């Protein structure tokens, strides 16, 4: 399975590339305001307003310095009811798309460098000497959060 590998707060994460709609540079340009608490604003993408989440804030991580390498990753989620929603998040760095088979990662261990709640981590693997936390895309946002975000935009 292919995963998009990115850095958030000096820790590498990977998420299923099948839910990634697009990745683009974020130069710190202003985002349109959005009323949902964990958002930093929203952008227009293909004629649709997309809420942008502060993933650091949502996951309880400290804020990081703004760098030129920051990117916005746009995800498309499908709920159990079959509704499709689009959300984005700002990350510090996008590294690559890596193929990681299920046998290549193990259940998450207590990782002192990773403050991400255990329920969001599917496992951990090693890519070119770096530990990478595999995010469980189905648990990153609750259906209620996705619904609320789509209504807020």
N, C-alpha and C. Protein backbone atom coordinates (compact mmCIF):
# COMPACT_ATOMS: atom_id res chain seq x y z
N UNK A 1 0.84 -1.17 0.00
CA UNK A 1 0.00 0.00 0.00
C UNK A 1 0.89 1.24 0.00
N UNK A 2 0.47 2.28 -0.67
CA UNK A 2 1.24 3.51 -0.74
C UNK A 2 0.79 4.50 0.33
N UNK A 3 1.79 5.16 0.93
CA UNK A 3 1.55 6.13 1.99
C UNK A 3 2.30 7.42 1.67
N UNK A 4 1.66 8.55 1.98
CA UNK A 4 2.32 9.85 1.88
C UNK A 4 3.04 10.08 3.20
N UNK A 5 4.36 10.31 3.13
CA UNK A 5 5.18 10.51 4.33
C UNK A 5 5.39 12.01 4.50
N UNK A 6 5.12 12.50 5.71
CA UNK A 6 5.28 13.92 6.00
C UNK A 6 5.79 14.10 7.42
N UNK A 7 6.28 15.30 7.70
CA UNK A 7 6.76 15.63 9.04
C UNK A 7 5.81 16.63 9.67
N UNK A 8 5.54 16.38 10.93
CA UNK A 8 4.75 17.27 11.75
C UNK A 8 5.45 17.32 13.10
N UNK A 9 5.90 18.50 13.48
CA UNK A 9 6.54 18.68 14.77
C UNK A 9 7.77 17.78 14.94
N UNK A 10 8.60 17.73 13.92
CA UNK A 10 9.86 16.97 13.91
C UNK A 10 9.69 15.46 14.03
N UNK A 11 8.50 14.96 13.76
CA UNK A 11 8.24 13.52 13.77
C UNK A 11 7.64 13.15 12.41
N UNK A 12 8.10 12.02 11.85
CA UNK A 12 7.57 11.57 10.56
C UNK A 12 6.31 10.74 10.75
N UNK A 13 5.36 11.01 9.86
CA UNK A 13 4.10 10.29 9.82
C UNK A 13 3.85 9.85 8.39
N UNK A 14 2.97 8.87 8.24
CA UNK A 14 2.54 8.44 6.91
C UNK A 14 1.05 8.20 6.96
N UNK A 15 0.38 8.51 5.86
CA UNK A 15 -1.07 8.31 5.76
C UNK A 15 -1.38 7.72 4.39
N UNK A 16 -2.40 6.90 4.35
CA UNK A 16 -2.81 6.23 3.12
C UNK A 16 -2.98 7.25 1.99
N UNK A 17 -2.25 7.05 0.91
CA UNK A 17 -2.27 8.00 -0.20
C UNK A 17 -3.63 8.00 -0.91
N UNK A 18 -4.43 6.97 -0.72
CA UNK A 18 -5.73 6.91 -1.39
C UNK A 18 -6.70 7.99 -0.93
N UNK A 19 -6.48 8.57 0.25
CA UNK A 19 -7.37 9.64 0.68
C UNK A 19 -6.79 11.02 0.39
N UNK A 20 -5.57 11.07 -0.15
CA UNK A 20 -4.93 12.35 -0.46
C UNK A 20 -5.40 12.83 -1.83
N UNK A 21 -6.04 13.98 -1.83
CA UNK A 21 -6.51 14.55 -3.09
C UNK A 21 -5.43 15.39 -3.75
N UNK A 22 -4.72 16.19 -2.95
CA UNK A 22 -3.66 17.01 -3.50
C UNK A 22 -2.73 17.50 -2.39
N UNK A 23 -1.56 17.94 -2.82
CA UNK A 23 -0.56 18.53 -1.92
C UNK A 23 -0.04 19.76 -2.64
N UNK A 24 0.02 20.87 -1.93
CA UNK A 24 0.58 22.07 -2.55
C UNK A 24 1.29 22.94 -1.53
N UNK A 25 2.14 23.82 -2.03
CA UNK A 25 2.91 24.73 -1.19
C UNK A 25 1.98 25.61 -0.37
N UNK A 26 2.41 25.87 0.84
CA UNK A 26 1.72 26.84 1.68
C UNK A 26 2.73 27.90 2.07
N UNK A 27 2.60 29.04 1.48
CA UNK A 27 3.56 30.13 1.72
C UNK A 27 3.13 31.04 2.85
N UNK A 28 2.16 30.59 3.64
CA UNK A 28 1.69 31.43 4.73
C UNK A 28 0.69 32.46 4.26
N UNK A 29 0.19 32.29 3.03
CA UNK A 29 -0.78 33.23 2.53
C UNK A 29 -2.06 33.15 3.36
N UNK A 30 -2.76 34.24 3.47
CA UNK A 30 -3.94 34.24 4.33
C UNK A 30 -5.00 33.26 3.84
N UNK A 31 -5.62 32.61 4.79
CA UNK A 31 -6.73 31.71 4.51
C UNK A 31 -8.01 32.44 4.88
N UNK A 32 -9.09 32.13 4.18
CA UNK A 32 -10.38 32.71 4.55
C UNK A 32 -10.77 32.17 5.92
N UNK A 33 -11.37 33.02 6.74
CA UNK A 33 -11.71 32.59 8.09
C UNK A 33 -12.81 31.53 8.06
N UNK A 34 -12.78 30.68 9.07
CA UNK A 34 -13.75 29.60 9.22
C UNK A 34 -14.03 29.49 10.71
N UNK A 35 -15.27 29.20 11.09
CA UNK A 35 -15.67 29.27 12.50
C UNK A 35 -15.38 28.02 13.32
N UNK A 36 -14.97 26.93 12.72
CA UNK A 36 -14.76 25.69 13.49
C UNK A 36 -13.48 25.81 14.31
N UNK A 37 -13.48 25.38 15.58
CA UNK A 37 -12.36 25.63 16.50
C UNK A 37 -10.98 25.13 16.04
N UNK A 38 -10.88 23.97 15.42
CA UNK A 38 -9.55 23.47 15.08
C UNK A 38 -9.07 23.91 13.70
N UNK A 39 -9.82 24.76 13.04
CA UNK A 39 -9.40 25.22 11.72
C UNK A 39 -8.56 26.48 11.81
N UNK A 40 -7.72 26.66 10.80
CA UNK A 40 -6.96 27.89 10.67
C UNK A 40 -7.54 28.74 9.55
N UNK A 41 -8.55 28.23 8.89
CA UNK A 41 -9.21 28.93 7.80
C UNK A 41 -9.68 27.95 6.75
N UNK A 42 -9.93 28.48 5.57
CA UNK A 42 -10.36 27.62 4.47
C UNK A 42 -9.82 28.19 3.17
N UNK A 43 -9.73 27.30 2.17
CA UNK A 43 -9.26 27.69 0.85
C UNK A 43 -10.29 27.27 -0.18
N UNK A 44 -10.21 27.89 -1.33
CA UNK A 44 -11.05 27.45 -2.44
C UNK A 44 -10.24 26.50 -3.30
N UNK A 45 -10.80 25.34 -3.55
CA UNK A 45 -10.14 24.32 -4.35
C UNK A 45 -11.16 23.74 -5.31
N UNK A 46 -10.93 23.94 -6.58
CA UNK A 46 -11.85 23.45 -7.61
C UNK A 46 -13.29 23.91 -7.37
N UNK A 47 -13.45 25.16 -6.96
CA UNK A 47 -14.77 25.73 -6.75
C UNK A 47 -15.44 25.34 -5.44
N UNK A 48 -14.74 24.62 -4.59
CA UNK A 48 -15.30 24.16 -3.32
C UNK A 48 -14.48 24.77 -2.18
N UNK A 49 -15.15 25.21 -1.12
CA UNK A 49 -14.45 25.71 0.05
C UNK A 49 -14.01 24.52 0.90
N UNK A 50 -12.72 24.49 1.21
CA UNK A 50 -12.13 23.37 1.95
C UNK A 50 -11.59 23.88 3.28
N UNK A 51 -12.12 23.39 4.42
CA UNK A 51 -11.57 23.80 5.71
C UNK A 51 -10.16 23.25 5.90
N UNK A 52 -9.28 24.08 6.46
CA UNK A 52 -7.89 23.68 6.72
C UNK A 52 -7.71 23.56 8.22
N UNK A 53 -7.31 22.37 8.64
CA UNK A 53 -7.17 22.03 10.06
C UNK A 53 -5.75 22.31 10.52
N UNK A 54 -5.63 22.79 11.74
CA UNK A 54 -4.34 22.88 12.41
C UNK A 54 -4.12 21.51 13.06
N UNK A 55 -3.39 20.64 12.38
CA UNK A 55 -3.20 19.27 12.87
C UNK A 55 -2.44 19.24 14.18
N UNK A 56 -1.52 20.19 14.37
CA UNK A 56 -0.82 20.27 15.67
C UNK A 56 -1.83 20.48 16.80
N UNK A 57 -2.73 21.44 16.60
CA UNK A 57 -3.72 21.75 17.63
C UNK A 57 -4.67 20.57 17.84
N UNK A 58 -5.14 19.98 16.75
CA UNK A 58 -6.08 18.86 16.86
C UNK A 58 -5.47 17.69 17.62
N UNK A 59 -4.19 17.44 17.41
CA UNK A 59 -3.54 16.28 18.00
C UNK A 59 -2.83 16.60 19.32
N UNK A 60 -2.97 17.85 19.78
CA UNK A 60 -2.37 18.21 21.06
C UNK A 60 -0.87 18.38 21.01
N UNK A 61 -0.33 18.70 19.83
CA UNK A 61 1.11 18.89 19.67
C UNK A 61 1.44 20.37 19.77
N UNK A 62 2.67 20.72 20.17
CA UNK A 62 3.06 22.12 20.21
C UNK A 62 3.11 22.71 18.79
N UNK A 63 2.95 24.00 18.69
CA UNK A 63 3.05 24.68 17.40
C UNK A 63 4.50 24.66 16.93
N UNK A 64 4.68 24.63 15.62
CA UNK A 64 6.02 24.63 15.05
C UNK A 64 6.28 25.93 14.33
N UNK A 65 7.55 26.21 14.08
CA UNK A 65 7.92 27.40 13.33
C UNK A 65 7.46 27.27 11.89
N UNK A 66 7.09 28.38 11.32
CA UNK A 66 6.69 28.39 9.92
C UNK A 66 7.93 28.32 9.04
N UNK A 67 7.94 27.38 8.11
CA UNK A 67 9.08 27.22 7.21
C UNK A 67 8.62 27.29 5.77
N UNK A 68 9.57 27.44 4.87
CA UNK A 68 9.26 27.46 3.44
C UNK A 68 8.84 26.09 2.93
N UNK A 69 9.11 25.04 3.70
CA UNK A 69 8.78 23.68 3.28
C UNK A 69 7.35 23.28 3.63
N UNK A 70 6.62 24.14 4.32
CA UNK A 70 5.24 23.81 4.73
C UNK A 70 4.37 23.53 3.52
N UNK A 71 3.49 22.56 3.68
CA UNK A 71 2.58 22.16 2.61
C UNK A 71 1.17 22.01 3.17
N UNK A 72 0.21 22.12 2.29
CA UNK A 72 -1.17 21.78 2.63
C UNK A 72 -1.47 20.45 1.97
N UNK A 73 -1.95 19.51 2.77
CA UNK A 73 -2.40 18.22 2.24
C UNK A 73 -3.92 18.25 2.29
N UNK A 74 -4.55 17.96 1.16
CA UNK A 74 -6.01 17.92 1.10
C UNK A 74 -6.44 16.46 1.05
N UNK A 75 -7.32 16.08 1.99
CA UNK A 75 -7.82 14.71 2.11
C UNK A 75 -9.28 14.66 1.69
N UNK A 76 -9.69 13.55 1.12
CA UNK A 76 -11.09 13.30 0.84
C UNK A 76 -11.49 12.06 1.63
N UNK A 77 -12.51 12.22 2.47
CA UNK A 77 -12.99 11.15 3.32
C UNK A 77 -14.38 10.72 2.87
N UNK A 78 -14.66 9.45 2.99
CA UNK A 78 -16.01 8.96 2.77
C UNK A 78 -16.51 8.40 4.09
N UNK A 79 -17.68 8.85 4.52
CA UNK A 79 -18.24 8.38 5.78
C UNK A 79 -18.95 7.04 5.58
N UNK A 80 -19.31 6.42 6.69
CA UNK A 80 -20.04 5.15 6.62
C UNK A 80 -21.37 5.32 5.89
N UNK A 81 -21.92 6.52 5.91
CA UNK A 81 -23.19 6.80 5.23
C UNK A 81 -22.99 7.04 3.74
N UNK A 82 -21.73 7.03 3.28
CA UNK A 82 -21.45 7.21 1.87
C UNK A 82 -21.25 8.66 1.45
N UNK A 83 -21.28 9.59 2.40
CA UNK A 83 -21.03 10.99 2.08
C UNK A 83 -19.54 11.23 1.94
N UNK A 84 -19.16 12.11 1.01
CA UNK A 84 -17.75 12.42 0.79
C UNK A 84 -17.48 13.86 1.24
N UNK A 85 -16.40 14.02 2.01
CA UNK A 85 -16.00 15.33 2.51
C UNK A 85 -14.54 15.58 2.21
N UNK A 86 -14.20 16.85 2.02
CA UNK A 86 -12.83 17.23 1.73
C UNK A 86 -12.35 18.16 2.84
N UNK A 87 -11.17 17.82 3.41
CA UNK A 87 -10.55 18.60 4.47
C UNK A 87 -9.08 18.75 4.15
N UNK A 88 -8.45 19.80 4.65
CA UNK A 88 -7.02 19.97 4.45
C UNK A 88 -6.31 20.18 5.77
N UNK A 89 -5.00 20.00 5.75
CA UNK A 89 -4.19 20.28 6.93
C UNK A 89 -2.84 20.82 6.50
N UNK A 90 -2.24 21.61 7.37
CA UNK A 90 -0.91 22.14 7.11
C UNK A 90 0.10 21.25 7.82
N UNK A 91 1.12 20.82 7.08
CA UNK A 91 2.20 20.02 7.66
C UNK A 91 3.52 20.73 7.44
N UNK A 92 4.53 20.33 8.18
CA UNK A 92 5.83 21.01 8.11
C UNK A 92 6.62 20.66 6.86
N UNK A 93 6.46 19.42 6.39
CA UNK A 93 7.28 18.95 5.28
C UNK A 93 6.62 17.72 4.68
N UNK A 94 6.60 17.60 3.36
CA UNK A 94 6.16 16.38 2.70
C UNK A 94 7.39 15.75 2.08
N UNK A 95 7.62 14.48 2.40
CA UNK A 95 8.84 13.80 1.97
C UNK A 95 8.67 13.01 0.68
N UNK A 96 7.74 12.07 0.68
CA UNK A 96 7.66 11.13 -0.43
C UNK A 96 6.39 10.31 -0.32
N UNK A 97 6.14 9.55 -1.38
CA UNK A 97 5.15 8.49 -1.33
C UNK A 97 5.95 7.20 -1.22
N UNK A 98 5.68 6.43 -0.17
CA UNK A 98 6.42 5.20 0.07
C UNK A 98 5.47 4.02 0.06
N UNK A 99 5.92 2.91 -0.49
CA UNK A 99 5.14 1.68 -0.44
C UNK A 99 5.51 0.94 0.84
N UNK A 100 4.51 0.71 1.66
CA UNK A 100 4.71 0.02 2.93
C UNK A 100 3.68 -1.10 3.00
N UNK A 101 4.16 -2.31 3.07
CA UNK A 101 3.26 -3.46 3.19
C UNK A 101 2.92 -3.66 4.66
N UNK A 102 1.79 -4.29 4.92
CA UNK A 102 1.34 -4.51 6.30
C UNK A 102 2.40 -5.21 7.14
N UNK A 103 3.12 -6.14 6.55
CA UNK A 103 4.11 -6.88 7.33
C UNK A 103 5.32 -6.02 7.70
N UNK A 104 5.46 -4.84 7.08
CA UNK A 104 6.61 -3.98 7.34
C UNK A 104 6.42 -3.06 8.54
N UNK A 105 5.23 -3.00 9.09
CA UNK A 105 5.09 -2.18 10.29
C UNK A 105 4.52 -3.01 11.42
N UNK A 106 4.85 -2.56 12.60
CA UNK A 106 4.38 -3.25 13.79
C UNK A 106 3.47 -2.31 14.56
N UNK A 107 2.75 -2.91 15.50
CA UNK A 107 1.86 -2.09 16.33
C UNK A 107 2.66 -0.99 16.99
N UNK A 108 2.01 0.12 17.18
CA UNK A 108 2.66 1.29 17.75
C UNK A 108 3.19 0.99 19.15
N UNK A 109 4.42 1.42 19.38
CA UNK A 109 5.03 1.33 20.70
C UNK A 109 5.02 2.72 21.29
N UNK A 110 5.24 2.85 22.57
CA UNK A 110 5.35 4.17 23.16
C UNK A 110 6.55 4.85 22.54
N UNK A 111 6.32 5.87 21.78
CA UNK A 111 7.38 6.60 21.10
C UNK A 111 7.48 7.97 21.78
N UNK A 112 8.56 8.20 22.49
CA UNK A 112 8.70 9.44 23.24
C UNK A 112 8.67 10.68 22.36
N UNK A 113 9.08 10.55 21.10
CA UNK A 113 9.08 11.71 20.21
C UNK A 113 7.71 11.94 19.59
N UNK A 114 6.79 11.02 19.76
CA UNK A 114 5.47 11.12 19.14
C UNK A 114 4.42 11.35 20.20
N UNK A 115 3.82 12.52 20.20
CA UNK A 115 2.77 12.83 21.16
C UNK A 115 1.38 12.51 20.64
N UNK A 116 1.32 12.01 19.43
CA UNK A 116 0.03 11.70 18.81
C UNK A 116 -0.67 10.61 19.60
N UNK A 117 -1.94 10.80 19.85
CA UNK A 117 -2.68 9.83 20.64
C UNK A 117 -2.65 8.47 19.98
N UNK A 118 -2.50 7.43 20.79
CA UNK A 118 -2.39 6.05 20.30
C UNK A 118 -3.54 5.67 19.38
N UNK A 119 -4.75 6.16 19.63
CA UNK A 119 -5.89 5.74 18.83
C UNK A 119 -5.76 6.17 17.37
N UNK A 120 -4.91 7.15 17.09
CA UNK A 120 -4.73 7.62 15.72
C UNK A 120 -3.61 6.91 14.98
N UNK A 121 -2.84 6.08 15.68
CA UNK A 121 -1.68 5.42 15.08
C UNK A 121 -2.00 3.95 14.81
N UNK A 122 -1.80 3.57 13.57
CA UNK A 122 -2.03 2.19 13.14
C UNK A 122 -0.82 1.32 13.42
N UNK A 123 0.36 1.92 13.32
CA UNK A 123 1.59 1.18 13.55
C UNK A 123 2.79 2.07 13.34
N UNK A 124 3.95 1.45 13.35
CA UNK A 124 5.20 2.18 13.18
C UNK A 124 6.10 1.37 12.27
N UNK A 125 6.89 2.05 11.46
CA UNK A 125 7.81 1.37 10.56
C UNK A 125 9.11 2.16 10.47
N UNK A 126 10.06 1.60 9.77
CA UNK A 126 11.35 2.25 9.57
C UNK A 126 11.53 2.46 8.07
N UNK A 127 11.72 3.70 7.68
CA UNK A 127 11.98 4.02 6.28
C UNK A 127 13.32 4.73 6.22
N UNK A 128 14.28 4.10 5.56
CA UNK A 128 15.62 4.65 5.39
C UNK A 128 16.20 5.17 6.70
N UNK A 129 16.05 4.37 7.76
CA UNK A 129 16.66 4.71 9.04
C UNK A 129 15.84 5.64 9.92
N UNK A 130 14.67 6.06 9.47
CA UNK A 130 13.82 6.95 10.27
C UNK A 130 12.55 6.22 10.69
N UNK A 131 12.17 6.40 11.96
CA UNK A 131 10.90 5.86 12.41
C UNK A 131 9.77 6.69 11.82
N UNK A 132 8.75 6.00 11.33
CA UNK A 132 7.59 6.66 10.73
C UNK A 132 6.34 6.08 11.38
N UNK A 133 5.50 6.97 11.92
CA UNK A 133 4.24 6.57 12.54
C UNK A 133 3.16 6.53 11.47
N UNK A 134 2.50 5.39 11.34
CA UNK A 134 1.46 5.24 10.33
C UNK A 134 0.13 5.67 10.95
N UNK A 135 -0.46 6.71 10.39
CA UNK A 135 -1.72 7.23 10.89
C UNK A 135 -2.86 6.38 10.36
N UNK A 136 -3.79 6.04 11.24
CA UNK A 136 -5.00 5.32 10.85
C UNK A 136 -5.98 6.37 10.32
N UNK A 137 -6.09 6.45 9.00
CA UNK A 137 -6.90 7.49 8.37
C UNK A 137 -8.36 7.44 8.80
N UNK A 138 -8.85 6.23 9.09
CA UNK A 138 -10.25 6.09 9.51
C UNK A 138 -10.50 6.67 10.89
N UNK A 139 -9.44 6.88 11.67
CA UNK A 139 -9.60 7.38 13.04
C UNK A 139 -9.08 8.80 13.23
N UNK A 140 -8.51 9.38 12.17
CA UNK A 140 -7.94 10.72 12.30
C UNK A 140 -9.02 11.76 12.60
N UNK A 141 -10.12 11.68 11.89
CA UNK A 141 -11.26 12.57 12.12
C UNK A 141 -12.49 11.72 12.39
N UNK A 142 -13.24 12.08 13.40
CA UNK A 142 -14.48 11.36 13.67
C UNK A 142 -15.52 11.78 12.64
N UNK A 143 -16.54 10.94 12.40
CA UNK A 143 -17.60 11.36 11.48
C UNK A 143 -18.25 12.67 11.91
N UNK A 144 -18.35 12.88 13.22
CA UNK A 144 -18.95 14.12 13.72
C UNK A 144 -18.09 15.34 13.37
N UNK A 145 -16.74 15.19 13.48
CA UNK A 145 -15.84 16.28 13.12
C UNK A 145 -15.94 16.59 11.63
N UNK A 146 -15.95 15.55 10.82
CA UNK A 146 -16.03 15.74 9.37
C UNK A 146 -17.34 16.46 9.01
N UNK A 147 -18.42 16.01 9.58
CA UNK A 147 -19.73 16.63 9.32
C UNK A 147 -19.73 18.09 9.77
N UNK A 148 -19.23 18.35 10.99
CA UNK A 148 -19.21 19.72 11.52
C UNK A 148 -18.32 20.62 10.67
N UNK A 149 -17.18 20.11 10.24
CA UNK A 149 -16.28 20.90 9.40
C UNK A 149 -16.91 21.22 8.06
N UNK A 150 -17.62 20.27 7.49
CA UNK A 150 -18.23 20.51 6.19
C UNK A 150 -19.34 21.55 6.31
N UNK A 151 -20.04 21.57 7.44
CA UNK A 151 -21.10 22.56 7.65
C UNK A 151 -20.53 23.93 7.97
N UNK A 152 -19.33 23.96 8.60
CA UNK A 152 -18.71 25.23 8.99
C UNK A 152 -18.15 25.99 7.80
N UNK A 153 -17.83 25.28 6.73
CA UNK A 153 -17.21 25.96 5.60
C UNK A 153 -18.22 26.54 4.64
